[in-house]
PDB file of all heavy atoms in Angstrom:
ATOM      1  N   ILE A   1      22.069  17.871   7.313  1.00  0.00           N
ATOM      2  CA  ILE A   1      20.902  17.380   8.151  1.00  0.00           C
ATOM      3  C   ILE A   1      19.954  16.589   7.212  1.00  0.00           C
ATOM      4  O   ILE A   1      19.381  15.521   7.662  1.00  0.00           O
ATOM      5  CB  ILE A   1      20.337  18.415   8.981  1.00  0.00           C
ATOM      6  CG1 ILE A   1      21.219  19.142   9.923  1.00  0.00           C
ATOM      7  CG2 ILE A   1      19.004  17.984   9.734  1.00  0.00           C
ATOM      8  CD1 ILE A   1      20.722  20.386  10.675  1.00  0.00           C
ATOM      9  N   THR A   2      19.658  17.135   6.115  1.00  0.00           N
ATOM     10  CA  THR A   2      18.736  16.507   5.239  1.00  0.00           C
ATOM     11  C   THR A   2      19.182  15.085   4.806  1.00  0.00           C
ATOM     12  O   THR A   2      18.522  14.234   4.825  1.00  0.00           O
ATOM     13  CB  THR A   2      18.531  17.400   3.908  1.00  0.00           C
ATOM     14  OG1 THR A   2      18.119  18.682   4.287  1.00  0.00           O
ATOM     15  CG2 THR A   2      17.531  16.730   2.951  1.00  0.00           C
ATOM     16  N   LEU A   3      20.573  15.092   4.397  1.00  0.00           N
ATOM     17  CA  LEU A   3      21.049  13.678   4.035  1.00  0.00           C
ATOM     18  C   LEU A   3      21.041  12.796   5.114  1.00  0.00           C
ATOM     19  O   LEU A   3      20.885  11.530   4.977  1.00  0.00           O
ATOM     20  CB  LEU A   3      22.433  14.096   3.476  1.00  0.00           C
ATOM     21  CG  LEU A   3      22.533  14.685   2.135  1.00  0.00           C
ATOM     22  CD1 LEU A   3      24.036  15.004   1.710  1.00  0.00           C
ATOM     23  CD2 LEU A   3      21.866  13.891   1.041  1.00  0.00           C
ATOM     24  N   MET A   4      21.253  13.263   6.280  1.00  0.00           N
ATOM     25  CA  MET A   4      21.263  12.398   7.598  1.00  0.00           C
ATOM     26  C   MET A   4      19.878  11.845   7.715  1.00  0.00           C
ATOM     27  O   MET A   4      19.511  10.629   7.913  1.00  0.00           O
ATOM     28  CB  MET A   4      21.655  13.053   8.866  1.00  0.00           C
ATOM     29  CG  MET A   4      23.079  13.341   8.906  1.00  0.00           C
ATOM     30  SD  MET A   4      23.613  14.140  10.543  1.00  0.00           S
ATOM     31  CE  MET A   4      23.353  12.832  11.547  1.00  0.00           C
ATOM     32  N   ALA A   5      18.808  12.568   7.422  1.00  0.00           N
ATOM     33  CA  ALA A   5      17.418  12.221   7.549  1.00  0.00           C
ATOM     34  C   ALA A   5      17.174  11.128   6.518  1.00  0.00           C
ATOM     35  O   ALA A   5      16.407  10.150   6.786  1.00  0.00           O
ATOM     36  CB  ALA A   5      16.464  13.369   7.459  1.00  0.00           C
ATOM     37  N   LEU A   6      17.621  11.383   5.331  1.00  0.00           N
ATOM     38  CA  LEU A   6      17.494  10.354   4.244  1.00  0.00           C
ATOM     39  C   LEU A   6      18.082   9.051   4.641  1.00  0.00           C
ATOM     40  O   LEU A   6      17.715   8.013   4.292  1.00  0.00           O
ATOM     41  CB  LEU A   6      17.910  10.856   2.910  1.00  0.00           C
ATOM     42  CG  LEU A   6      16.974  11.994   2.352  1.00  0.00           C
ATOM     43  CD1 LEU A   6      17.807  12.559   1.097  1.00  0.00           C
ATOM     44  CD2 LEU A   6      15.706  11.451   1.845  1.00  0.00           C
ATOM     45  N   LYS A   7      19.252   9.142   5.174  1.00  0.00           N
ATOM     46  CA  LYS A   7      19.985   7.945   5.549  1.00  0.00           C
ATOM     47  C   LYS A   7      19.221   7.114   6.662  1.00  0.00           C
ATOM     48  O   LYS A   7      19.137   5.828   6.542  1.00  0.00           O
ATOM     49  CB  LYS A   7      21.384   8.319   6.180  1.00  0.00           C
ATOM     50  CG  LYS A   7      22.289   7.132   6.608  1.00  0.00           C
ATOM     51  CD  LYS A   7      23.636   7.552   7.112  1.00  0.00           C
ATOM     52  CE  LYS A   7      24.262   6.303   7.656  1.00  0.00           C
ATOM     53  NZ  LYS A   7      25.709   6.666   8.264  1.00  0.00           N
ATOM     54  N   VAL A   8      18.587   7.895   7.623  1.00  0.00           N
ATOM     55  CA  VAL A   8      17.753   7.280   8.599  1.00  0.00           C
ATOM     56  C   VAL A   8      16.592   6.556   7.972  1.00  0.00           C
ATOM     57  O   VAL A   8      16.330   5.372   8.305  1.00  0.00           O
ATOM     58  CB  VAL A   8      17.217   8.305   9.573  1.00  0.00           C
ATOM     59  CG1 VAL A   8      16.115   7.664  10.415  1.00  0.00           C
ATOM     60  CG2 VAL A   8      18.383   8.758  10.507  1.00  0.00           C
ATOM     61  N   LEU A   9      15.921   7.127   6.954  1.00  0.00           N
ATOM     62  CA  LEU A   9      14.825   6.554   6.228  1.00  0.00           C
ATOM     63  C   LEU A   9      15.385   5.261   5.559  1.00  0.00           C
ATOM     64  O   LEU A   9      14.551   4.245   5.553  1.00  0.00           O
ATOM     65  CB  LEU A   9      14.253   7.447   5.334  1.00  0.00           C
ATOM     66  CG  LEU A   9      13.389   8.606   5.895  1.00  0.00           C
ATOM     67  CD1 LEU A   9      12.952   9.589   4.797  1.00  0.00           C
ATOM     68  CD2 LEU A   9      12.192   8.111   6.677  1.00  0.00           C
ATOM     69  N   GLY A  10      16.536   5.361   5.020  1.00  0.00           N
ATOM     70  CA  GLY A  10      17.183   4.187   4.315  1.00  0.00           C
ATOM     71  C   GLY A  10      17.376   3.021   5.294  1.00  0.00           C
ATOM     72  O   GLY A  10      17.033   1.846   5.070  1.00  0.00           O
ATOM     73  N   GLU A  11      17.809   3.419   6.475  1.00  0.00           N
ATOM     74  CA  GLU A  11      18.075   2.353   7.438  1.00  0.00           C
ATOM     75  C   GLU A  11      16.849   1.648   8.009  1.00  0.00           C
ATOM     76  O   GLU A  11      16.718   0.563   8.404  1.00  0.00           O
ATOM     77  CB  GLU A  11      18.837   2.965   8.605  1.00  0.00           C
ATOM     78  CG  GLU A  11      20.362   3.348   8.324  1.00  0.00           C
ATOM     79  CD  GLU A  11      20.997   4.222   9.364  1.00  0.00           C
ATOM     80  OE1 GLU A  11      20.242   4.613  10.294  1.00  0.00           O
ATOM     81  OE2 GLU A  11      22.188   4.355   9.276  1.00  0.00           O
ATOM     82  N   GLN A  12      15.683   2.423   7.924  1.00  0.00           N
ATOM     83  CA  GLN A  12      14.465   1.973   8.414  1.00  0.00           C
ATOM     84  C   GLN A  12      13.691   1.308   7.187  1.00  0.00           C
ATOM     85  O   GLN A  12      12.649   1.103   7.359  1.00  0.00           O
ATOM     86  CB  GLN A  12      13.606   3.023   8.885  1.00  0.00           C
ATOM     87  CG  GLN A  12      14.222   3.661  10.241  1.00  0.00           C
ATOM     88  CD  GLN A  12      13.448   4.956  10.813  1.00  0.00           C
ATOM     89  OE1 GLN A  12      12.625   5.350  10.151  1.00  0.00           O
ATOM     90  NE2 GLN A  12      14.027   5.344  11.916  1.00  0.00           N
ATOM     91  N   ASN A  13      14.377   1.022   6.130  1.00  0.00           N
ATOM     92  CA  ASN A  13      13.812   0.574   4.819  1.00  0.00           C
ATOM     93  C   ASN A  13      12.698   1.329   4.292  1.00  0.00           C
ATOM     94  O   ASN A  13      11.681   0.960   3.688  1.00  0.00           O
ATOM     95  CB  ASN A  13      13.360  -0.992   5.200  1.00  0.00           C
ATOM     96  CG  ASN A  13      14.372  -1.960   5.416  1.00  0.00           C
ATOM     97  OD1 ASN A  13      15.479  -1.812   4.913  1.00  0.00           O
ATOM     98  ND2 ASN A  13      14.131  -2.739   6.514  1.00  0.00           N
ATOM     99  N   SER A  14      12.535   2.567   4.674  1.00  0.00           N
ATOM    100  CA  SER A  14      11.631   3.503   4.008  1.00  0.00           C
ATOM    101  C   SER A  14      12.131   3.955   2.599  1.00  0.00           C
ATOM    102  O   SER A  14      11.368   4.350   1.746  1.00  0.00           O
ATOM    103  CB  SER A  14      11.478   4.825   4.869  1.00  0.00           C
ATOM    104  OG  SER A  14      10.862   4.430   6.188  1.00  0.00           O
ATOM    105  N   LEU A  15      13.437   3.867   2.334  1.00  0.00           N
ATOM    106  CA  LEU A  15      13.984   4.074   1.055  1.00  0.00           C
ATOM    107  C   LEU A  15      14.646   2.873   0.502  1.00  0.00           C
ATOM    108  O   LEU A  15      15.391   2.194   1.255  1.00  0.00           O
ATOM    109  CB  LEU A  15      15.016   5.180   1.182  1.00  0.00           C
ATOM    110  CG  LEU A  15      14.583   6.753   1.142  1.00  0.00           C
ATOM    111  CD1 LEU A  15      15.818   7.592   1.391  1.00  0.00           C
ATOM    112  CD2 LEU A  15      13.900   7.020  -0.149  1.00  0.00           C
ATOM    113  N   PRO A  16      14.392   2.510  -0.709  1.00  0.00           N
ATOM    114  CA  PRO A  16      15.081   1.231  -1.293  1.00  0.00           C
ATOM    115  C   PRO A  16      16.621   1.374  -1.337  1.00  0.00           C
ATOM    116  O   PRO A  16      17.288   0.379  -1.147  1.00  0.00           O
ATOM    117  CB  PRO A  16      14.393   1.164  -2.685  1.00  0.00           C
ATOM    118  CG  PRO A  16      13.213   1.952  -2.625  1.00  0.00           C
ATOM    119  CD  PRO A  16      13.365   3.075  -1.673  1.00  0.00           C
ATOM    120  N   ASN A  17      17.024   2.608  -1.637  1.00  0.00           N
ATOM    121  CA  ASN A  17      18.462   2.825  -1.815  1.00  0.00           C
ATOM    122  C   ASN A  17      18.757   4.235  -1.632  1.00  0.00           C
ATOM    123  O   ASN A  17      18.142   5.217  -2.129  1.00  0.00           O
ATOM    124  CB  ASN A  17      18.837   2.431  -3.204  1.00  0.00           C
ATOM    125  CG  ASN A  17      20.467   2.399  -3.452  1.00  0.00           C
ATOM    126  OD1 ASN A  17      21.036   3.020  -2.638  1.00  0.00           O
ATOM    127  ND2 ASN A  17      20.809   1.685  -4.436  1.00  0.00           N
ATOM    128  N   THR A  18      19.694   4.542  -0.680  1.00  0.00           N
ATOM    129  CA  THR A  18      20.046   6.043  -0.441  1.00  0.00           C
ATOM    130  C   THR A  18      21.306   6.438  -1.140  1.00  0.00           C
ATOM    131  O   THR A  18      21.815   7.529  -0.906  1.00  0.00           O
ATOM    132  CB  THR A  18      20.297   6.215   1.101  1.00  0.00           C
ATOM    133  OG1 THR A  18      21.213   5.212   1.630  1.00  0.00           O
ATOM    134  CG2 THR A  18      19.036   5.981   1.832  1.00  0.00           C
ATOM    135  N   HIS A  19      21.897   5.607  -2.062  1.00  0.00           N
ATOM    136  CA  HIS A  19      23.033   6.131  -2.837  1.00  0.00           C
ATOM    137  C   HIS A  19      22.724   7.056  -3.881  1.00  0.00           C
ATOM    138  O   HIS A  19      21.647   6.768  -4.513  1.00  0.00           O
ATOM    139  CB  HIS A  19      23.898   4.834  -3.353  1.00  0.00           C
ATOM    140  CG  HIS A  19      24.432   4.054  -2.172  1.00  0.00           C
ATOM    141  ND1 HIS A  19      25.392   4.464  -1.417  1.00  0.00           N
ATOM    142  CD2 HIS A  19      24.130   2.703  -1.806  1.00  0.00           C
ATOM    143  CE1 HIS A  19      25.722   3.443  -0.622  1.00  0.00           C
ATOM    144  NE2 HIS A  19      24.977   2.394  -0.814  1.00  0.00           N
ATOM    145  N   ASN A  20      23.354   7.982  -4.061  1.00  0.00           N
ATOM    146  CA  ASN A  20      23.072   9.084  -5.182  1.00  0.00           C
ATOM    147  C   ASN A  20      21.635   9.506  -5.199  1.00  0.00           C
ATOM    148  O   ASN A  20      21.069   9.523  -6.229  1.00  0.00           O
ATOM    149  CB  ASN A  20      23.501   8.307  -6.544  1.00  0.00           C
ATOM    150  CG  ASN A  20      24.847   7.915  -6.656  1.00  0.00           C
ATOM    151  OD1 ASN A  20      25.748   8.470  -6.089  1.00  0.00           O
ATOM    152  ND2 ASN A  20      25.098   6.736  -7.076  1.00  0.00           N
ATOM    153  N   VAL A  21      21.073   9.797  -4.034  1.00  0.00           N
ATOM    154  CA  VAL A  21      19.889  10.313  -4.019  1.00  0.00           C
ATOM    155  C   VAL A  21      19.852  11.905  -4.347  1.00  0.00           C
ATOM    156  O   VAL A  21      20.618  12.630  -3.828  1.00  0.00           O
ATOM    157  CB  VAL A  21      19.209  10.174  -2.614  1.00  0.00           C
ATOM    158  CG1 VAL A  21      17.940  10.774  -2.364  1.00  0.00           C
ATOM    159  CG2 VAL A  21      19.084   8.501  -2.299  1.00  0.00           C
ATOM    160  N   ILE A  22      18.797  12.174  -5.092  1.00  0.00           N
ATOM    161  CA  ILE A  22      18.681  13.640  -5.444  1.00  0.00           C
ATOM    162  C   ILE A  22      17.201  14.030  -4.835  1.00  0.00           C
ATOM    163  O   ILE A  22      16.198  13.238  -4.969  1.00  0.00           O
ATOM    164  CB  ILE A  22      18.578  13.866  -6.957  1.00  0.00           C
ATOM    165  CG1 ILE A  22      19.978  13.529  -7.550  1.00  0.00           C
ATOM    166  CG2 ILE A  22      18.206  15.279  -7.259  1.00  0.00           C
ATOM    167  CD1 ILE A  22      20.046  13.623  -9.000  1.00  0.00           C
ATOM    168  N   CYS A  23      17.224  15.165  -4.225  1.00  0.00           N
ATOM    169  CA  CYS A  23      15.960  15.566  -3.393  1.00  0.00           C
ATOM    170  C   CYS A  23      15.483  16.895  -3.947  1.00  0.00           C
ATOM    171  O   CYS A  23      16.335  17.790  -4.313  1.00  0.00           O
ATOM    172  CB  CYS A  23      16.219  15.705  -1.892  1.00  0.00           C
ATOM    173  SG  CYS A  23      17.068  14.285  -1.233  1.00  0.00           S
ATOM    174  N   PHE A  24      14.275  17.069  -4.018  1.00  0.00           N
ATOM    175  CA  PHE A  24      13.855  18.530  -4.381  1.00  0.00           C
ATOM    176  C   PHE A  24      12.438  18.644  -3.885  1.00  0.00           C
ATOM    177  O   PHE A  24      11.633  17.609  -3.663  1.00  0.00           O
ATOM    178  CB  PHE A  24      13.800  18.759  -5.912  1.00  0.00           C
ATOM    179  CG  PHE A  24      13.106  17.742  -6.622  1.00  0.00           C
ATOM    180  CD1 PHE A  24      11.746  17.859  -6.972  1.00  0.00           C
ATOM    181  CD2 PHE A  24      13.711  16.607  -7.130  1.00  0.00           C
ATOM    182  CE1 PHE A  24      11.089  16.941  -7.781  1.00  0.00           C
ATOM    183  CE2 PHE A  24      12.956  15.621  -8.036  1.00  0.00           C
ATOM    184  CZ  PHE A  24      11.631  15.795  -8.263  1.00  0.00           C
ATOM    185  N   TYR A  25      12.064  19.915  -3.615  1.00  0.00           N
ATOM    186  CA  TYR A  25      10.767  20.141  -3.006  1.00  0.00           C
ATOM    187  C   TYR A  25       9.764  20.044  -4.175  1.00  0.00           C
ATOM    188  O   TYR A  25       9.897  20.490  -5.330  1.00  0.00           O
ATOM    189  CB  TYR A  25      10.654  21.527  -2.531  1.00  0.00           C
ATOM    190  CG  TYR A  25       9.345  22.109  -1.962  1.00  0.00           C
ATOM    191  CD1 TYR A  25       9.082  21.718  -0.623  1.00  0.00           C
ATOM    192  CD2 TYR A  25       8.511  22.747  -2.711  1.00  0.00           C
ATOM    193  CE1 TYR A  25       7.883  22.263  -0.090  1.00  0.00           C
ATOM    194  CE2 TYR A  25       7.165  22.975  -2.286  1.00  0.00           C
ATOM    195  CZ  TYR A  25       6.895  22.837  -0.931  1.00  0.00           C
ATOM    196  OH  TYR A  25       5.736  23.257  -0.390  1.00  0.00           O
ATOM    197  N   GLN A  26       8.613  19.287  -3.915  1.00  0.00           N
ATOM    198  CA  GLN A  26       7.612  19.101  -4.933  1.00  0.00           C
ATOM    199  C   GLN A  26       6.205  19.268  -4.416  1.00  0.00           C
ATOM    200  O   GLN A  26       5.649  18.216  -3.744  1.00  0.00           O
ATOM    201  CB  GLN A  26       7.841  17.654  -5.513  1.00  0.00           C
ATOM    202  CG  GLN A  26       6.805  17.249  -6.612  1.00  0.00           C
ATOM    203  CD  GLN A  26       6.945  18.109  -7.638  1.00  0.00           C
ATOM    204  OE1 GLN A  26       8.108  18.239  -8.315  1.00  0.00           O
ATOM    205  NE2 GLN A  26       5.891  18.742  -8.316  1.00  0.00           N
ATOM    206  N   PRO A  27       5.540  20.412  -4.528  1.00  0.00           N
ATOM    207  CA  PRO A  27       4.200  20.556  -4.168  1.00  0.00           C
ATOM    208  C   PRO A  27       3.377  19.643  -5.050  1.00  0.00           C
ATOM    209  O   PRO A  27       3.499  19.637  -6.219  1.00  0.00           O
ATOM    210  CB  PRO A  27       3.857  22.007  -4.456  1.00  0.00           C
ATOM    211  CG  PRO A  27       5.168  22.641  -4.530  1.00  0.00           C
ATOM    212  CD  PRO A  27       6.252  21.562  -4.994  1.00  0.00           C
ATOM    213  N   ALA A  28       2.527  18.825  -4.422  1.00  0.00           N
ATOM    214  CA  ALA A  28       1.783  17.892  -5.235  1.00  0.00           C
ATOM    215  C   ALA A  28       0.267  17.983  -5.114  1.00  0.00           C
ATOM    216  O   ALA A  28      -0.065  18.657  -4.150  1.00  0.00           O
ATOM    217  CB  ALA A  28       2.180  16.496  -4.866  1.00  0.00           C
ATOM    218  N   PRO A  29      -0.555  17.451  -6.025  1.00  0.00           N
ATOM    219  CA  PRO A  29      -1.954  17.567  -5.812  1.00  0.00           C
ATOM    220  C   PRO A  29      -2.428  16.959  -4.593  1.00  0.00           C
ATOM    221  O   PRO A  29      -3.545  17.481  -4.076  1.00  0.00           O
ATOM    222  CB  PRO A  29      -2.440  16.687  -7.030  1.00  0.00           C
ATOM    223  CG  PRO A  29      -1.358  16.760  -7.942  1.00  0.00           C
ATOM    224  CD  PRO A  29      -0.089  16.750  -7.223  1.00  0.00           C
ATOM    225  N   TYR A  30      -1.714  15.993  -3.959  1.00  0.00           N
ATOM    226  CA  TYR A  30      -2.177  15.301  -2.881  1.00  0.00           C
ATOM    227  C   TYR A  30      -1.718  16.051  -1.539  1.00  0.00           C
ATOM    228  O   TYR A  30      -1.828  15.490  -0.554  1.00  0.00           O
ATOM    229  CB  TYR A  30      -1.640  13.925  -2.800  1.00  0.00           C
ATOM    230  CG  TYR A  30      -0.311  13.691  -3.230  1.00  0.00           C
ATOM    231  CD1 TYR A  30       0.758  13.917  -2.420  1.00  0.00           C
ATOM    232  CD2 TYR A  30      -0.035  13.086  -4.479  1.00  0.00           C
ATOM    233  CE1 TYR A  30       2.077  13.816  -2.818  1.00  0.00           C
ATOM    234  CE2 TYR A  30       1.296  12.917  -4.971  1.00  0.00           C
ATOM    235  CZ  TYR A  30       2.303  13.320  -4.124  1.00  0.00           C
ATOM    236  OH  TYR A  30       3.597  13.127  -4.587  1.00  0.00           O
ATOM    237  N   PHE A  31      -1.095  17.232  -1.769  1.00  0.00           N
ATOM    238  CA  PHE A  31      -0.615  18.023  -0.530  1.00  0.00           C
ATOM    239  C   PHE A  31      -1.703  18.193   0.480  1.00  0.00           C
ATOM    240  O   PHE A  31      -1.503  17.854   1.591  1.00  0.00           O
ATOM    241  CB  PHE A  31      -0.141  19.371  -1.076  1.00  0.00           C
ATOM    242  CG  PHE A  31       0.375  20.350  -0.093  1.00  0.00           C
ATOM    243  CD1 PHE A  31       1.772  20.216   0.284  1.00  0.00           C
ATOM    244  CD2 PHE A  31      -0.364  21.245   0.608  1.00  0.00           C
ATOM    245  CE1 PHE A  31       2.214  21.016   1.245  1.00  0.00           C
ATOM    246  CE2 PHE A  31       0.044  22.031   1.544  1.00  0.00           C
ATOM    247  CZ  PHE A  31       1.516  21.909   1.895  1.00  0.00           C
ATOM    248  N   ALA A  32      -2.858  18.697  -0.007  1.00  0.00           N
ATOM    249  CA  ALA A  32      -3.835  18.898   1.075  1.00  0.00           C
ATOM    250  C   ALA A  32      -4.560  17.587   1.626  1.00  0.00           C
ATOM    251  O   ALA A  32      -4.798  17.554   2.776  1.00  0.00           O
ATOM    252  CB  ALA A  32      -5.042  19.823   0.446  1.00  0.00           C
ATOM    253  N   ALA A  33      -4.523  16.662   0.815  1.00  0.00           N
ATOM    254  CA  ALA A  33      -5.080  15.383   1.267  1.00  0.00           C
ATOM    255  C   ALA A  33      -4.388  14.717   2.298  1.00  0.00           C
ATOM    256  O   ALA A  33      -4.728  14.017   3.052  1.00  0.00           O
ATOM    257  CB  ALA A  33      -5.224  14.519   0.050  1.00  0.00           C
ATOM    258  N   GLU A  34      -3.036  15.034   2.354  1.00  0.00           N
ATOM    259  CA  GLU A  34      -2.162  14.369   3.346  1.00  0.00           C
ATOM    260  C   GLU A  34      -2.039  15.207   4.638  1.00  0.00           C
ATOM    261  O   GLU A  34      -0.981  15.258   5.313  1.00  0.00           O
ATOM    262  CB  GLU A  34      -0.738  14.150   2.690  1.00  0.00           C
ATOM    263  CG  GLU A  34      -0.834  13.227   1.586  1.00  0.00           C
ATOM    264  CD  GLU A  34      -1.268  11.729   2.043  1.00  0.00           C
ATOM    265  OE1 GLU A  34      -1.011  11.517   3.160  1.00  0.00           O
ATOM    266  OE2 GLU A  34      -1.570  11.001   1.084  1.00  0.00           O
ATOM    267  N   GLY A  35      -2.914  16.117   4.795  1.00  0.00           N
ATOM    268  CA  GLY A  35      -2.901  16.831   6.109  1.00  0.00           C
ATOM    269  C   GLY A  35      -2.186  18.147   6.028  1.00  0.00           C
ATOM    270  O   GLY A  35      -1.921  18.957   7.053  1.00  0.00           O
ATOM    271  N   GLY A  36      -1.836  18.661   4.814  1.00  0.00           N
ATOM    272  CA  GLY A  36      -1.147  19.915   4.695  1.00  0.00           C
ATOM    273  C   GLY A  36       0.277  19.997   4.978  1.00  0.00           C
ATOM    274  O   GLY A  36       0.950  20.948   4.998  1.00  0.00           O
ATOM    275  N   TYR A  37       0.957  18.774   5.128  1.00  0.00           N
ATOM    276  CA  TYR A  37       2.367  18.810   5.275  1.00  0.00           C
ATOM    277  C   TYR A  37       3.182  19.165   4.002  1.00  0.00           C
ATOM    278  O   TYR A  37       2.752  18.745   2.993  1.00  0.00           O
ATOM    279  CB  TYR A  37       2.880  17.331   5.748  1.00  0.00           C
ATOM    280  CG  TYR A  37       2.158  16.750   7.052  1.00  0.00           C
ATOM    281  CD1 TYR A  37       2.489  15.590   7.518  1.00  0.00           C
ATOM    282  CD2 TYR A  37       1.311  17.682   7.764  1.00  0.00           C
ATOM    283  CE1 TYR A  37       1.889  15.140   8.652  1.00  0.00           C
ATOM    284  CE2 TYR A  37       0.827  17.138   8.953  1.00  0.00           C
ATOM    285  CZ  TYR A  37       1.026  15.922   9.425  1.00  0.00           C
ATOM    286  OH  TYR A  37       0.487  15.401  10.481  1.00  0.00           O
ATOM    287  N   PRO A  38       4.264  19.655   4.253  1.00  0.00           N
ATOM    288  CA  PRO A  38       5.178  19.786   2.910  1.00  0.00           C
ATOM    289  C   PRO A  38       5.470  18.396   2.456  1.00  0.00           C
ATOM    290  O   PRO A  38       5.715  17.450   3.223  1.00  0.00           O
ATOM    291  CB  PRO A  38       6.373  20.426   3.521  1.00  0.00           C
ATOM    292  CG  PRO A  38       5.922  21.128   4.818  1.00  0.00           C
ATOM    293  CD  PRO A  38       4.977  20.316   5.324  1.00  0.00           C
ATOM    294  N   THR A  39       5.533  18.284   1.101  1.00  0.00           N
ATOM    295  CA  THR A  39       5.756  16.981   0.466  1.00  0.00           C
ATOM    296  C   THR A  39       7.029  16.956  -0.326  1.00  0.00           C
ATOM    297  O   THR A  39       7.400  18.106  -0.968  1.00  0.00           O
ATOM    298  CB  THR A  39       4.505  16.755  -0.460  1.00  0.00           C
ATOM    299  OG1 THR A  39       3.379  16.781   0.209  1.00  0.00           O
ATOM    300  CG2 THR A  39       4.712  15.299  -1.066  1.00  0.00           C
ATOM    301  N   TYR A  40       7.854  15.889  -0.345  1.00  0.00           N
ATOM    302  CA  TYR A  40       9.068  16.015  -1.053  1.00  0.00           C
ATOM    303  C   TYR A  40       9.050  14.736  -2.040  1.00  0.00           C
ATOM    304  O   TYR A  40       8.507  13.597  -1.633  1.00  0.00           O
ATOM    305  CB  TYR A  40      10.261  15.809  -0.018  1.00  0.00           C
ATOM    306  CG  TYR A  40      10.200  16.970   0.924  1.00  0.00           C
ATOM    307  CD1 TYR A  40       9.639  16.775   2.174  1.00  0.00           C
ATOM    308  CD2 TYR A  40      10.685  18.249   0.568  1.00  0.00           C
ATOM    309  CE1 TYR A  40       9.534  17.806   3.143  1.00  0.00           C
ATOM    310  CE2 TYR A  40      10.553  19.342   1.465  1.00  0.00           C
ATOM    311  CZ  TYR A  40       9.992  19.056   2.740  1.00  0.00           C
ATOM    312  OH  TYR A  40       9.877  20.094   3.599  1.00  0.00           O
ATOM    313  N   CYS A  41       9.688  14.908  -3.030  1.00  0.00           N
ATOM    314  CA  CYS A  41       9.877  13.965  -3.951  1.00  0.00           C
ATOM    315  C   CYS A  41      11.338  13.579  -3.985  1.00  0.00           C
ATOM    316  O   CYS A  41      12.154  14.378  -4.217  1.00  0.00           O
ATOM    317  CB  CYS A  41       9.362  14.292  -5.426  1.00  0.00           C
ATOM    318  SG  CYS A  41       9.362  13.084  -6.559  1.00  0.00           S
TER     319      CYS A  41
END
């Protein structure tokens, strides 16, 4: 399901390239500033 979501983002030009994509959870300093949503890198 995660890879399908990334593919959708790629099709919408939200990702420059979806080939060989590696995903991991990344809590970031801007976590709270962005409304408290989980953030991914």
